[in-house]
Amino acid sequence: MKWFLYAISFLWITAGSLSIIYTTESKNVMKRLFNKIDRKVLSVFPVIIGVLLLISSSWSLHSWFLRILGAMGIIKGGIVFFIPKNLYDEMTNWYLNSVSDQTHRFLGIVSIIIGTAVLSWIL
């Protein structure tokens, strides 16, 4: 499962870098993604990533951190799957339209930090 930790680390670093450098373009890509794909289908991805993080946490130096991230992914997927559609629409509308570019860039920085930390902790 080391391959998954490497893949998710590079994905976090890449996504964070792109959201910092190309802020408006990355927001437009996310708008298209959230508008085209049904929320029930989207909710499966955080659950799968969360389960894989829980499984692969034993290949990390700080497995507790990956277990927390995995649990958060599973909870996020469950919330997106079970909340009413209007609440989901309000959340995505807030994230895509109301969040400033600086906040979006800050989340990119957090993504780079998490990806780098996970990458450096792989045994």
PDB file of N, CA and C in Angstrom:
ATOM      1  N   MET A   1       0.809  -1.210   0.000  1.00  0.00           N
ATOM      2  CA  MET A   1       0.000   0.000   0.000  1.00  0.00           C
ATOM      3  C   MET A   1       0.849   1.270   0.000  1.00  0.00           C
ATOM      4  N   LYS A   2       2.169   1.090  -0.095  1.00  0.00           N
ATOM      5  CA  LYS A   2       3.011   2.271  -0.208  1.00  0.00           C
ATOM      6  C   LYS A   2       2.688   3.050  -1.472  1.00  0.00           C
ATOM      7  N   TRP A   3       2.342   2.324  -2.526  1.00  0.00           N
ATOM      8  CA  TRP A   3       2.029   2.985  -3.793  1.00  0.00           C
ATOM      9  C   TRP A   3       0.872   3.949  -3.629  1.00  0.00           C
ATOM     10  N   PHE A   4      -0.115   3.592  -2.807  1.00  0.00           N
ATOM     11  CA  PHE A   4      -1.249   4.484  -2.595  1.00  0.00           C
ATOM     12  C   PHE A   4      -0.818   5.741  -1.845  1.00  0.00           C
ATOM     13  N   LEU A   5       0.036   5.583  -0.841  1.00  0.00           N
ATOM     14  CA  LEU A   5       0.512   6.749  -0.100  1.00  0.00           C
ATOM     15  C   LEU A   5       1.312   7.684  -0.993  1.00  0.00           C
ATOM     16  N   TYR A   6       2.155   7.107  -1.872  1.00  0.00           N
ATOM     17  CA  TYR A   6       2.875   7.948  -2.827  1.00  0.00           C
ATOM     18  C   TYR A   6       1.908   8.654  -3.769  1.00  0.00           C
ATOM     19  N   ALA A   7       0.934   7.923  -4.288  1.00  0.00           N
ATOM     20  CA  ALA A   7      -0.019   8.501  -5.248  1.00  0.00           C
ATOM     21  C   ALA A   7      -0.848   9.612  -4.614  1.00  0.00           C
ATOM     22  N   ILE A   8      -1.366   9.388  -3.416  1.00  0.00           N
ATOM     23  CA  ILE A   8      -2.219  10.392  -2.776  1.00  0.00           C
ATOM     24  C   ILE A   8      -1.379  11.600  -2.353  1.00  0.00           C
ATOM     25  N   SER A   9      -0.134  11.377  -1.965  1.00  0.00           N
ATOM     26  CA  SER A   9       0.740  12.497  -1.613  1.00  0.00           C
ATOM     27  C   SER A   9       0.993  13.384  -2.822  1.00  0.00           C
ATOM     28  N   PHE A  10       1.357  12.774  -3.949  1.00  0.00           N
ATOM     29  CA  PHE A  10       1.599  13.559  -5.154  1.00  0.00           C
ATOM     30  C   PHE A  10       0.320  14.213  -5.663  1.00  0.00           C
ATOM     31  N   LEU A  11      -0.815  13.567  -5.477  1.00  0.00           N
ATOM     32  CA  LEU A  11      -2.099  14.165  -5.876  1.00  0.00           C
ATOM     33  C   LEU A  11      -2.402  15.400  -5.030  1.00  0.00           C
ATOM     34  N   TRP A  12      -2.177  15.316  -3.700  1.00  0.00           N
ATOM     35  CA  TRP A  12      -2.394  16.473  -2.826  1.00  0.00           C
ATOM     36  C   TRP A  12      -1.448  17.614  -3.178  1.00  0.00           C
ATOM     37  N   ILE A  13      -0.189  17.294  -3.433  1.00  0.00           N
ATOM     38  CA  ILE A  13       0.777  18.336  -3.773  1.00  0.00           C
ATOM     39  C   ILE A  13       0.416  18.988  -5.104  1.00  0.00           C
ATOM     40  N   THR A  14       0.039  18.186  -6.087  1.00  0.00           N
ATOM     41  CA  THR A  14      -0.331  18.714  -7.401  1.00  0.00           C
ATOM     42  C   THR A  14      -1.589  19.559  -7.323  1.00  0.00           C
ATOM     43  N   ALA A  15      -2.614  19.055  -6.644  1.00  0.00           N
ATOM     44  CA  ALA A  15      -3.864  19.811  -6.529  1.00  0.00           C
ATOM     45  C   ALA A  15      -3.655  21.115  -5.777  1.00  0.00           C
ATOM     46  N   GLY A  16      -2.866  21.080  -4.728  1.00  0.00           N
ATOM     47  CA  GLY A  16      -2.577  22.304  -3.980  1.00  0.00           C
ATOM     48  C   GLY A  16      -1.805  23.311  -4.806  1.00  0.00           C
ATOM     49  N   SER A  17      -0.822  22.842  -5.548  1.00  0.00           N
ATOM     50  CA  SER A  17      -0.036  23.751  -6.394  1.00  0.00           C
ATOM     51  C   SER A  17      -0.898  24.373  -7.480  1.00  0.00           C
ATOM     52  N   LEU A  18      -1.738  23.570  -8.108  1.00  0.00           N
ATOM     53  CA  LEU A  18      -2.610  24.098  -9.158  1.00  0.00           C
ATOM     54  C   LEU A  18      -3.633  25.083  -8.606  1.00  0.00           C
ATOM     55  N   SER A  19      -4.120  24.835  -7.398  1.00  0.00           N
ATOM     56  CA  SER A  19      -5.100  25.768  -6.833  1.00  0.00           C
ATOM     57  C   SER A  19      -4.456  27.078  -6.393  1.00  0.00           C
ATOM     58  N   ILE A  20      -3.160  27.068  -6.133  1.00  0.00           N
ATOM     59  CA  ILE A  20      -2.457  28.311  -5.810  1.00  0.00           C
ATOM     60  C   ILE A  20      -2.133  29.083  -7.087  1.00  0.00           C
ATOM     61  N   ILE A  21      -1.590  28.382  -8.071  1.00  0.00           N
ATOM     62  CA  ILE A  21      -1.138  29.057  -9.286  1.00  0.00           C
ATOM     63  C   ILE A  21      -2.311  29.453 -10.182  1.00  0.00           C
ATOM     64  N   TYR A  22      -3.243  28.527 -10.390  1.00  0.00           N
ATOM     65  CA  TYR A  22      -4.382  28.759 -11.276  1.00  0.00           C
ATOM     66  C   TYR A  22      -5.670  28.760 -10.459  1.00  0.00           C
ATOM     67  N   THR A  23      -5.860  29.770  -9.658  1.00  0.00           N
ATOM     68  CA  THR A  23      -6.980  29.802  -8.726  1.00  0.00           C
ATOM     69  C   THR A  23      -8.324  29.806  -9.440  1.00  0.00           C
ATOM     70  N   THR A  24      -8.543  30.730 -10.354  1.00  0.00           N
ATOM     71  CA  THR A  24      -9.857  30.813 -11.011  1.00  0.00           C
ATOM     72  C   THR A  24     -10.106  29.601 -11.900  1.00  0.00           C
ATOM     73  N   GLU A  25      -9.074  29.105 -12.572  1.00  0.00           N
ATOM     74  CA  GLU A  25      -9.250  27.934 -13.423  1.00  0.00           C
ATOM     75  C   GLU A  25      -9.584  26.695 -12.604  1.00  0.00           C
ATOM     76  N   SER A  26      -8.926  26.542 -11.459  1.00  0.00           N
ATOM     77  CA  SER A  26      -9.224  25.370 -10.630  1.00  0.00           C
ATOM     78  C   SER A  26     -10.626  25.459 -10.030  1.00  0.00           C
ATOM     79  N   LYS A  27     -11.063  26.677  -9.701  1.00  0.00           N
ATOM     80  CA  LYS A  27     -12.432  26.831  -9.214  1.00  0.00           C
ATOM     81  C   LYS A  27     -13.437  26.494 -10.317  1.00  0.00           C
ATOM     82  N   ASN A  28     -13.139  26.870 -11.563  1.00  0.00           N
ATOM     83  CA  ASN A  28     -14.021  26.542 -12.678  1.00  0.00           C
ATOM     84  C   ASN A  28     -14.078  25.037 -12.930  1.00  0.00           C
ATOM     85  N   VAL A  29     -12.947  24.359 -12.798  1.00  0.00           N
ATOM     86  CA  VAL A  29     -12.929  22.904 -12.951  1.00  0.00           C
ATOM     87  C   VAL A  29     -13.780  22.249 -11.867  1.00  0.00           C
ATOM     88  N   MET A  30     -13.663  22.747 -10.640  1.00  0.00           N
ATOM     89  CA  MET A  30     -14.460  22.182  -9.549  1.00  0.00           C
ATOM     90  C   MET A  30     -15.948  22.470  -9.742  1.00  0.00           C
ATOM     91  N   LYS A  31     -16.292  23.651 -10.267  1.00  0.00           N
ATOM     92  CA  LYS A  31     -17.700  23.956 -10.556  1.00  0.00           C
ATOM     93  C   LYS A  31     -18.265  22.969 -11.563  1.00  0.00           C
ATOM     94  N   ARG A  32     -17.508  22.716 -12.623  1.00  0.00           N
ATOM     95  CA  ARG A  32     -17.976  21.753 -13.628  1.00  0.00           C
ATOM     96  C   ARG A  32     -18.105  20.360 -13.032  1.00  0.00           C
ATOM     97  N   LEU A  33     -17.164  19.980 -12.198  1.00  0.00           N
ATOM     98  CA  LEU A  33     -17.199  18.660 -11.574  1.00  0.00           C
ATOM     99  C   LEU A  33     -18.430  18.512 -10.676  1.00  0.00           C
ATOM    100  N   PHE A  34     -18.676  19.515  -9.829  1.00  0.00           N
ATOM    101  CA  PHE A  34     -19.805  19.432  -8.910  1.00  0.00           C
ATOM    102  C   PHE A  34     -21.143  19.542  -9.627  1.00  0.00           C
ATOM    103  N   ASN A  35     -21.190  20.233 -10.753  1.00  0.00           N
ATOM    104  CA  ASN A  35     -22.446  20.379 -11.475  1.00  0.00           C
ATOM    105  C   ASN A  35     -22.763  19.184 -12.370  1.00  0.00           C
ATOM    106  N   LYS A  36     -21.743  18.499 -12.883  1.00  0.00           N
ATOM    107  CA  LYS A  36     -21.969  17.395 -13.812  1.00  0.00           C
ATOM    108  C   LYS A  36     -22.216  16.064 -13.117  1.00  0.00           C
ATOM    109  N   ILE A  37     -21.522  15.836 -12.019  1.00  0.00           N
ATOM    110  CA  ILE A  37     -21.585  14.530 -11.359  1.00  0.00           C
ATOM    111  C   ILE A  37     -22.545  14.602 -10.185  1.00  0.00           C
ATOM    112  N   ASP A  38     -23.382  13.585 -10.050  1.00  0.00           N
ATOM    113  CA  ASP A  38     -24.353  13.520  -8.958  1.00  0.00           C
ATOM    114  C   ASP A  38     -23.630  13.419  -7.620  1.00  0.00           C
ATOM    115  N   ARG A  39     -24.218  14.015  -6.608  1.00  0.00           N
ATOM    116  CA  ARG A  39     -23.568  14.048  -5.290  1.00  0.00           C
ATOM    117  C   ARG A  39     -23.437  12.663  -4.682  1.00  0.00           C
ATOM    118  N   LYS A  40     -24.349  11.762  -4.983  1.00  0.00           N
ATOM    119  CA  LYS A  40     -24.257  10.408  -4.433  1.00  0.00           C
ATOM    120  C   LYS A  40     -23.060   9.668  -5.031  1.00  0.00           C
ATOM    121  N   VAL A  41     -22.762   9.954  -6.292  1.00  0.00           N
ATOM    122  CA  VAL A  41     -21.582   9.357  -6.921  1.00  0.00           C
ATOM    123  C   VAL A  41     -20.317  10.013  -6.366  1.00  0.00           C
ATOM    124  N   LEU A  42     -20.341  11.330  -6.190  1.00  0.00           N
ATOM    125  CA  LEU A  42     -19.184  12.030  -5.630  1.00  0.00           C
ATOM    126  C   LEU A  42     -18.877  11.593  -4.208  1.00  0.00           C
ATOM    127  N   SER A  43     -19.886  11.212  -3.453  1.00  0.00           N
ATOM    128  CA  SER A  43     -19.664  10.830  -2.059  1.00  0.00           C
ATOM    129  C   SER A  43     -18.899   9.513  -1.929  1.00  0.00           C
ATOM    130  N   VAL A  44     -18.867   8.727  -2.993  1.00  0.00           N
ATOM    131  CA  VAL A  44     -18.150   7.450  -2.938  1.00  0.00           C
ATOM    132  C   VAL A  44     -16.639   7.671  -2.899  1.00  0.00           C
ATOM    133  N   PHE A  45     -16.150   8.707  -3.583  1.00  0.00           N
ATOM    134  CA  PHE A  45     -14.702   8.928  -3.663  1.00  0.00           C
ATOM    135  C   PHE A  45     -14.060   9.209  -2.302  1.00  0.00           C
ATOM    136  N   PRO A  46     -14.607  10.103  -1.460  1.00  0.00           N
ATOM    137  CA  PRO A  46     -13.975  10.289  -0.145  1.00  0.00           C
ATOM    138  C   PRO A  46     -14.021   9.032   0.727  1.00  0.00           C
ATOM    139  N   VAL A  47     -15.073   8.242   0.570  1.00  0.00           N
ATOM    140  CA  VAL A  47     -15.162   7.009   1.355  1.00  0.00           C
ATOM    141  C   VAL A  47     -14.076   6.035   0.919  1.00  0.00           C
ATOM    142  N   ILE A  48     -13.887   5.883  -0.396  1.00  0.00           N
ATOM    143  CA  ILE A  48     -12.858   4.970  -0.895  1.00  0.00           C
ATOM    144  C   ILE A  48     -11.467   5.453  -0.477  1.00  0.00           C
ATOM    145  N   ILE A  49     -11.207   6.745  -0.629  1.00  0.00           N
ATOM    146  CA  ILE A  49      -9.911   7.292  -0.219  1.00  0.00           C
ATOM    147  C   ILE A  49      -9.715   7.106   1.284  1.00  0.00           C
ATOM    148  N   GLY A  50     -10.763   7.330   2.073  1.00  0.00           N
ATOM    149  CA  GLY A  50     -10.673   7.159   3.522  1.00  0.00           C
ATOM    150  C   GLY A  50     -10.364   5.726   3.919  1.00  0.00           C
ATOM    151  N   VAL A  51     -11.030   4.780   3.288  1.00  0.00           N
ATOM    152  CA  VAL A  51     -10.770   3.363   3.596  1.00  0.00           C
ATOM    153  C   VAL A  51      -9.346   2.989   3.201  1.00  0.00           C
ATOM    154  N   LEU A  52      -8.903   3.449   2.025  1.00  0.00           N
ATOM    155  CA  LEU A  52      -7.533   3.150   1.608  1.00  0.00           C
ATOM    156  C   LEU A  52      -6.500   3.816   2.518  1.00  0.00           C
ATOM    157  N   LEU A  53      -6.802   5.010   3.023  1.00  0.00           N
ATOM    158  CA  LEU A  53      -5.892   5.641   3.986  1.00  0.00           C
ATOM    159  C   LEU A  53      -5.839   4.849   5.291  1.00  0.00           C
ATOM    160  N   LEU A  54      -6.985   4.342   5.737  1.00  0.00           N
ATOM    161  CA  LEU A  54      -6.987   3.526   6.963  1.00  0.00           C
ATOM    162  C   LEU A  54      -6.183   2.242   6.769  1.00  0.00           C
ATOM    163  N   ILE A  55      -6.330   1.626   5.600  1.00  0.00           N
ATOM    164  CA  ILE A  55      -5.602   0.386   5.333  1.00  0.00           C
ATOM    165  C   ILE A  55      -4.100   0.649   5.226  1.00  0.00           C
ATOM    166  N   SER A  56      -3.736   1.724   4.532  1.00  0.00           N
ATOM    167  CA  SER A  56      -2.312   1.975   4.286  1.00  0.00           C
ATOM    168  C   SER A  56      -1.631   2.740   5.417  1.00  0.00           C
ATOM    169  N   SER A  57      -2.341   3.048   6.480  1.00  0.00           N
ATOM    170  CA  SER A  57      -1.733   3.838   7.561  1.00  0.00           C
ATOM    171  C   SER A  57      -0.601   3.093   8.261  1.00  0.00           C
ATOM    172  N   SER A  58      -0.590   1.774   8.198  1.00  0.00           N
ATOM    173  CA  SER A  58       0.486   1.041   8.874  1.00  0.00           C
ATOM    174  C   SER A  58       1.815   1.169   8.144  1.00  0.00           C
ATOM    175  N   TRP A  59       1.819   1.666   6.906  1.00  0.00           N
ATOM    176  CA  TRP A  59       3.050   1.888   6.163  1.00  0.00           C
ATOM    177  C   TRP A  59       3.569   3.309   6.341  1.00  0.00           C
ATOM    178  N   SER A  60       3.100   3.996   7.346  1.00  0.00           N
ATOM    179  CA  SER A  60       3.517   5.370   7.585  1.00  0.00           C
ATOM    180  C   SER A  60       4.153   5.486   8.967  1.00  0.00           C
ATOM    181  N   LEU A  61       5.046   6.455   9.081  1.00  0.00           N
ATOM    182  CA  LEU A  61       5.707   6.698  10.354  1.00  0.00           C
ATOM    183  C   LEU A  61       4.722   7.226  11.394  1.00  0.00           C
ATOM    184  N   HIS A  62       3.789   8.070  10.962  1.00  0.00           N
ATOM    185  CA  HIS A  62       2.758   8.610  11.847  1.00  0.00           C
ATOM    186  C   HIS A  62       1.399   8.083  11.389  1.00  0.00           C
ATOM    187  N   SER A  63       1.121   6.849  11.741  1.00  0.00           N
ATOM    188  CA  SER A  63      -0.112   6.205  11.278  1.00  0.00           C
ATOM    189  C   SER A  63      -1.355   6.841  11.886  1.00  0.00           C
ATOM    190  N   TRP A  64      -1.230   7.451  13.033  1.00  0.00           N
ATOM    191  CA  TRP A  64      -2.383   8.083  13.675  1.00  0.00           C
ATOM    192  C   TRP A  64      -2.923   9.219  12.812  1.00  0.00           C
ATOM    193  N   PHE A  65      -2.045   9.960  12.147  1.00  0.00           N
ATOM    194  CA  PHE A  65      -2.478  11.065  11.307  1.00  0.00           C
ATOM    195  C   PHE A  65      -3.258  10.555  10.098  1.00  0.00           C
ATOM    196  N   LEU A  66      -2.771   9.485   9.495  1.00  0.00           N
ATOM    197  CA  LEU A  66      -3.483   8.924   8.344  1.00  0.00           C
ATOM    198  C   LEU A  66      -4.806   8.297   8.762  1.00  0.00           C
ATOM    199  N   ARG A  67      -4.864   7.752   9.956  1.00  0.00           N
ATOM    200  CA  ARG A  67      -6.142   7.214  10.433  1.00  0.00           C
ATOM    201  C   ARG A  67      -7.164   8.333  10.647  1.00  0.00           C
ATOM    202  N   ILE A  68      -6.703   9.474  11.149  1.00  0.00           N
ATOM    203  CA  ILE A  68      -7.609  10.622  11.315  1.00  0.00           C
ATOM    204  C   ILE A  68      -8.088  11.113   9.957  1.00  0.00           C
ATOM    205  N   LEU A  69      -7.168  11.242   8.986  1.00  0.00           N
ATOM    206  CA  LEU A  69      -7.568  11.670   7.647  1.00  0.00           C
ATOM    207  C   LEU A  69      -8.526  10.672   7.001  1.00  0.00           C
ATOM    208  N   GLY A  70      -8.265   9.377   7.194  1.00  0.00           N
ATOM    209  CA  GLY A  70      -9.152   8.354   6.646  1.00  0.00           C
ATOM    210  C   GLY A  70     -10.541   8.409   7.259  1.00  0.00           C
ATOM    211  N   ALA A  71     -10.599   8.584   8.564  1.00  0.00           N
ATOM    212  CA  ALA A  71     -11.897   8.698   9.236  1.00  0.00           C
ATOM    213  C   ALA A  71     -12.643   9.945   8.771  1.00  0.00           C
ATOM    214  N   MET A  72     -11.901  11.055   8.584  1.00  0.00           N
ATOM    215  CA  MET A  72     -12.540  12.278   8.097  1.00  0.00           C
ATOM    216  C   MET A  72     -13.087  12.091   6.682  1.00  0.00           C
ATOM    217  N   GLY A  73     -12.362  11.346   5.849  1.00  0.00           N
ATOM    218  CA  GLY A  73     -12.843  11.070   4.499  1.00  0.00           C
ATOM    219  C   GLY A  73     -14.109  10.240   4.502  1.00  0.00           C
ATOM    220  N   ILE A  74     -14.157   9.233   5.352  1.00  0.00           N
ATOM    221  CA  ILE A  74     -15.351   8.385   5.443  1.00  0.00           C
ATOM    222  C   ILE A  74     -16.527   9.201   5.963  1.00  0.00           C
ATOM    223  N   ILE A  75     -16.296  10.022   6.969  1.00  0.00           N
ATOM    224  CA  ILE A  75     -17.366  10.868   7.511  1.00  0.00           C
ATOM    225  C   ILE A  75     -17.843  11.869   6.466  1.00  0.00           C
ATOM    226  N   LYS A  76     -16.914  12.471   5.731  1.00  0.00           N
ATOM    227  CA  LYS A  76     -17.288  13.436   4.693  1.00  0.00           C
ATOM    228  C   LYS A  76     -18.142  12.773   3.617  1.00  0.00           C
ATOM    229  N   GLY A  77     -17.742  11.602   3.174  1.00  0.00           N
ATOM    230  CA  GLY A  77     -18.535  10.885   2.179  1.00  0.00           C
ATOM    231  C   GLY A  77     -19.920  10.550   2.689  1.00  0.00           C
ATOM    232  N   GLY A  78     -20.009  10.154   3.954  1.00  0.00           N
ATOM    233  CA  GLY A  78     -21.320   9.856   4.539  1.00  0.00           C
ATOM    234  C   GLY A  78     -22.194  11.087   4.651  1.00  0.00           C
ATOM    235  N   ILE A  79     -21.600  12.195   5.029  1.00  0.00           N
ATOM    236  CA  ILE A  79     -22.369  13.439   5.136  1.00  0.00           C
ATOM    237  C   ILE A  79     -22.885  13.864   3.775  1.00  0.00           C
ATOM    238  N   VAL A  80     -22.023  13.838   2.763  1.00  0.00           N
ATOM    239  CA  VAL A  80     -22.444  14.242   1.415  1.00  0.00           C
ATOM    240  C   VAL A  80     -23.539  13.304   0.892  1.00  0.00           C
ATOM    241  N   PHE A  81     -23.455  12.030   1.228  1.00  0.00           N
ATOM    242  CA  PHE A  81     -24.451  11.074   0.748  1.00  0.00           C
ATOM    243  C   PHE A  81     -25.797  11.263   1.427  1.00  0.00           C
ATOM    244  N   PHE A  82     -25.795  11.561   2.727  1.00  0.00           N
ATOM    245  CA  PHE A  82     -27.041  11.554   3.482  1.00  0.00           C
ATOM    246  C   PHE A  82     -27.695  12.918   3.694  1.00  0.00           C
ATOM    247  N   ILE A  83     -26.992  14.028   3.478  1.00  0.00           N
ATOM    248  CA  ILE A  83     -27.631  15.327   3.709  1.00  0.00           C
ATOM    249  C   ILE A  83     -28.644  15.616   2.607  1.00  0.00           C
ATOM    250  N   PRO A  84     -29.640  16.442   2.903  1.00  0.00           N
ATOM    251  CA  PRO A  84     -30.622  16.803   1.874  1.00  0.00           C
ATOM    252  C   PRO A  84     -29.968  17.563   0.722  1.00  0.00           C
ATOM    253  N   LYS A  85     -30.574  17.445  -0.448  1.00  0.00           N
ATOM    254  CA  LYS A  85     -30.001  18.051  -1.665  1.00  0.00           C
ATOM    255  C   LYS A  85     -29.857  19.559  -1.539  1.00  0.00           C
ATOM    256  N   ASN A  86     -30.837  20.236  -0.937  1.00  0.00           N
ATOM    257  CA  ASN A  86     -30.736  21.694  -0.844  1.00  0.00           C
ATOM    258  C   ASN A  86     -29.578  22.128   0.055  1.00  0.00           C
ATOM    259  N   LEU A  87     -29.286  21.376   1.105  1.00  0.00           N
ATOM    260  CA  LEU A  87     -28.151  21.693   1.964  1.00  0.00           C
ATOM    261  C   LEU A  87     -26.835  21.452   1.225  1.00  0.00           C
ATOM    262  N   TYR A  88     -26.773  20.382   0.449  1.00  0.00           N
ATOM    263  CA  TYR A  88     -25.584  20.109  -0.366  1.00  0.00           C
ATOM    264  C   TYR A  88     -25.378  21.226  -1.384  1.00  0.00           C
ATOM    265  N   ASP A  89     -26.446  21.672  -2.017  1.00  0.00           N
ATOM    266  CA  ASP A  89     -26.339  22.768  -2.984  1.00  0.00           C
ATOM    267  C   ASP A  89     -25.858  24.056  -2.321  1.00  0.00           C
ATOM    268  N   GLU A  90     -26.338  24.328  -1.102  1.00  0.00           N
ATOM    269  CA  GLU A  90     -25.882  25.512  -0.375  1.00  0.00           C
ATOM    270  C   GLU A  90     -24.395  25.415  -0.030  1.00  0.00           C
ATOM    271  N   MET A  91     -23.944  24.234   0.394  1.00  0.00           N
ATOM    272  CA  MET A  91     -22.534  24.051   0.738  1.00  0.00           C
ATOM    273  C   MET A  91     -21.641  24.221  -0.484  1.00  0.00           C
ATOM    274  N   THR A  92     -22.004  23.607  -1.592  1.00  0.00           N
ATOM    275  CA  THR A  92     -21.173  23.742  -2.784  1.00  0.00           C
ATOM    276  C   THR A  92     -21.226  25.164  -3.334  1.00  0.00           C
ATOM    277  N   ASN A  93     -22.397  25.809  -3.252  1.00  0.00           N
ATOM    278  CA  ASN A  93     -22.505  27.186  -3.696  1.00  0.00           C
ATOM    279  C   ASN A  93     -21.622  28.094  -2.830  1.00  0.00           C
ATOM    280  N   TRP A  94     -21.623  27.875  -1.528  1.00  0.00           N
ATOM    281  CA  TRP A  94     -20.767  28.669  -0.647  1.00  0.00           C
ATOM    282  C   TRP A  94     -19.305  28.463  -1.007  1.00  0.00           C
ATOM    283  N   TYR A  95     -18.890  27.199  -1.169  1.00  0.00           N
ATOM    284  CA  TYR A  95     -17.481  26.909  -1.430  1.00  0.00           C
ATOM    285  C   TYR A  95     -17.038  27.435  -2.792  1.00  0.00           C
ATOM    286  N   LEU A  96     -17.884  27.322  -3.787  1.00  0.00           N
ATOM    287  CA  LEU A  96     -17.472  27.701  -5.135  1.00  0.00           C
ATOM    288  C   LEU A  96     -17.656  29.183  -5.435  1.00  0.00           C
ATOM    289  N   ASN A  97     -18.607  29.846  -4.780  1.00  0.00           N
ATOM    290  CA  ASN A  97     -18.898  31.232  -5.132  1.00  0.00           C
ATOM    291  C   ASN A  97     -18.554  32.237  -4.037  1.00  0.00           C
ATOM    292  N   SER A  98     -18.678  31.867  -2.785  1.00  0.00           N
ATOM    293  CA  SER A  98     -18.492  32.826  -1.705  1.00  0.00           C
ATOM    294  C   SER A  98     -17.076  32.860  -1.133  1.00  0.00           C
ATOM    295  N   VAL A  99     -16.342  31.776  -1.278  1.00  0.00           N
ATOM    296  CA  VAL A  99     -14.998  31.716  -0.726  1.00  0.00           C
ATOM    297  C   VAL A  99     -14.077  32.584  -1.580  1.00  0.00           C
ATOM    298  N   SER A 100     -13.276  33.414  -0.919  1.00  0.00           N
ATOM    299  CA  SER A 100     -12.384  34.319  -1.648  1.00  0.00           C
ATOM    300  C   SER A 100     -11.218  33.539  -2.267  1.00  0.00           C
ATOM    301  N   ASP A 101     -10.527  34.201  -3.177  1.00  0.00           N
ATOM    302  CA  ASP A 101      -9.363  33.580  -3.809  1.00  0.00           C
ATOM    303  C   ASP A 101      -8.258  33.312  -2.793  1.00  0.00           C
ATOM    304  N   GLN A 102      -8.120  34.191  -1.810  1.00  0.00           N
ATOM    305  CA  GLN A 102      -7.095  33.985  -0.782  1.00  0.00           C
ATOM    306  C   GLN A 102      -7.390  32.730   0.036  1.00  0.00           C
ATOM    307  N   THR A 103      -8.655  32.498   0.343  1.00  0.00           N
ATOM    308  CA  THR A 103      -9.030  31.290   1.082  1.00  0.00           C
ATOM    309  C   THR A 103      -8.772  30.055   0.241  1.00  0.00           C
ATOM    310  N   HIS A 104      -9.076  30.147  -1.040  1.00  0.00           N
ATOM    311  CA  HIS A 104      -8.821  29.023  -1.936  1.00  0.00           C
ATOM    312  C   HIS A 104      -7.320  28.729  -2.023  1.00  0.00           C
ATOM    313  N   ARG A 105      -6.515  29.760  -2.091  1.00  0.00           N
ATOM    314  CA  ARG A 105      -5.062  29.578  -2.115  1.00  0.00           C
ATOM    315  C   ARG A 105      -4.556  29.017  -0.782  1.00  0.00           C
ATOM    316  N   PHE A 106      -5.150  29.468   0.325  1.00  0.00           N
ATOM    317  CA  PHE A 106      -4.769  28.942   1.637  1.00  0.00           C
ATOM    318  C   PHE A 106      -5.056  27.441   1.718  1.00  0.00           C
ATOM    319  N   LEU A 107      -6.200  27.022   1.201  1.00  0.00           N
ATOM    320  CA  LEU A 107      -6.515  25.588   1.190  1.00  0.00           C
ATOM    321  C   LEU A 107      -5.533  24.826   0.301  1.00  0.00           C
ATOM    322  N   GLY A 108      -5.049  25.464  -0.754  1.00  0.00           N
ATOM    323  CA  GLY A 108      -4.008  24.858  -1.571  1.00  0.00           C
ATOM    324  C   GLY A 108      -2.711  24.681  -0.801  1.00  0.00           C
ATOM    325  N   ILE A 109      -2.365  25.681   0.013  1.00  0.00           N
ATOM    326  CA  ILE A 109      -1.162  25.585   0.841  1.00  0.00           C
ATOM    327  C   ILE A 109      -1.305  24.449   1.852  1.00  0.00           C
ATOM    328  N   VAL A 110      -2.477  24.331   2.457  1.00  0.00           N
ATOM    329  CA  VAL A 110      -2.724  23.236   3.408  1.00  0.00           C
ATOM    330  C   VAL A 110      -2.593  21.893   2.704  1.00  0.00           C
ATOM    331  N   SER A 111      -3.101  21.805   1.473  1.00  0.00           N
ATOM    332  CA  SER A 111      -2.997  20.566   0.707  1.00  0.00           C
ATOM    333  C   SER A 111      -1.541  20.214   0.406  1.00  0.00           C
ATOM    334  N   ILE A 112      -0.743  21.203   0.056  1.00  0.00           N
ATOM    335  CA  ILE A 112       0.681  20.952  -0.191  1.00  0.00           C
ATOM    336  C   ILE A 112       1.373  20.478   1.083  1.00  0.00           C
ATOM    337  N   ILE A 113       1.065  21.098   2.209  1.00  0.00           N
ATOM    338  CA  ILE A 113       1.689  20.712   3.485  1.00  0.00           C
ATOM    339  C   ILE A 113       1.316  19.280   3.855  1.00  0.00           C
ATOM    340  N   ILE A 114       0.037  18.940   3.727  1.00  0.00           N
ATOM    341  CA  ILE A 114      -0.390  17.574   4.067  1.00  0.00           C
ATOM    342  C   ILE A 114       0.258  16.568   3.128  1.00  0.00           C
ATOM    343  N   GLY A 115       0.273  16.864   1.826  1.00  0.00           N
ATOM    344  CA  GLY A 115       0.901  15.950   0.874  1.00  0.00           C
ATOM    345  C   GLY A 115       2.385  15.751   1.132  1.00  0.00           C
ATOM    346  N   THR A 116       3.074  16.833   1.450  1.00  0.00           N
ATOM    347  CA  THR A 116       4.509  16.729   1.741  1.00  0.00           C
ATOM    348  C   THR A 116       4.751  15.962   3.021  1.00  0.00           C
ATOM    349  N   ALA A 117       3.923  16.198   4.030  1.00  0.00           N
ATOM    350  CA  ALA A 117       4.089  15.473   5.296  1.00  0.00           C
ATOM    351  C   ALA A 117       3.865  13.978   5.111  1.00  0.00           C
ATOM    352  N   VAL A 118       2.794  13.618   4.415  1.00  0.00           N
ATOM    353  CA  VAL A 118       2.512  12.193   4.196  1.00  0.00           C
ATOM    354  C   VAL A 118       3.640  11.566   3.364  1.00  0.00           C
ATOM    355  N   LEU A 119       4.123  12.293   2.366  1.00  0.00           N
ATOM    356  CA  LEU A 119       5.207  11.779   1.533  1.00  0.00           C
ATOM    357  C   LEU A 119       6.479  11.539   2.347  1.00  0.00           C
ATOM    358  N   SER A 120       6.764  12.432   3.279  1.00  0.00           N
ATOM    359  CA  SER A 120       7.985  12.274   4.076  1.00  0.00           C
ATOM    360  C   SER A 120       7.846  11.220   5.169  1.00  0.00           C
ATOM    361  N   TRP A 121       6.626  10.835   5.505  1.00  0.00           N
ATOM    362  CA  TRP A 121       6.414   9.858   6.571  1.00  0.00           C
ATOM    363  C   TRP A 121       6.299   8.421   6.076  1.00  0.00           C
ATOM    364  N   ILE A 122       6.380   8.182   4.778  1.00  0.00           N
ATOM    365  CA  ILE A 122       6.250   6.826   4.258  1.00  0.00           C
ATOM    366  C   ILE A 122       7.476   6.023   4.660  1.00  0.00           C
ATOM    367  N   LEU A 123       7.250   4.845   5.191  1.00  0.00           N
ATOM    368  CA  LEU A 123       8.364   3.987   5.646  1.00  0.00           C
ATOM    369  C   LEU A 123       9.044   3.290   4.487  1.00  0.00           C
TER     370      LEU A 123
END
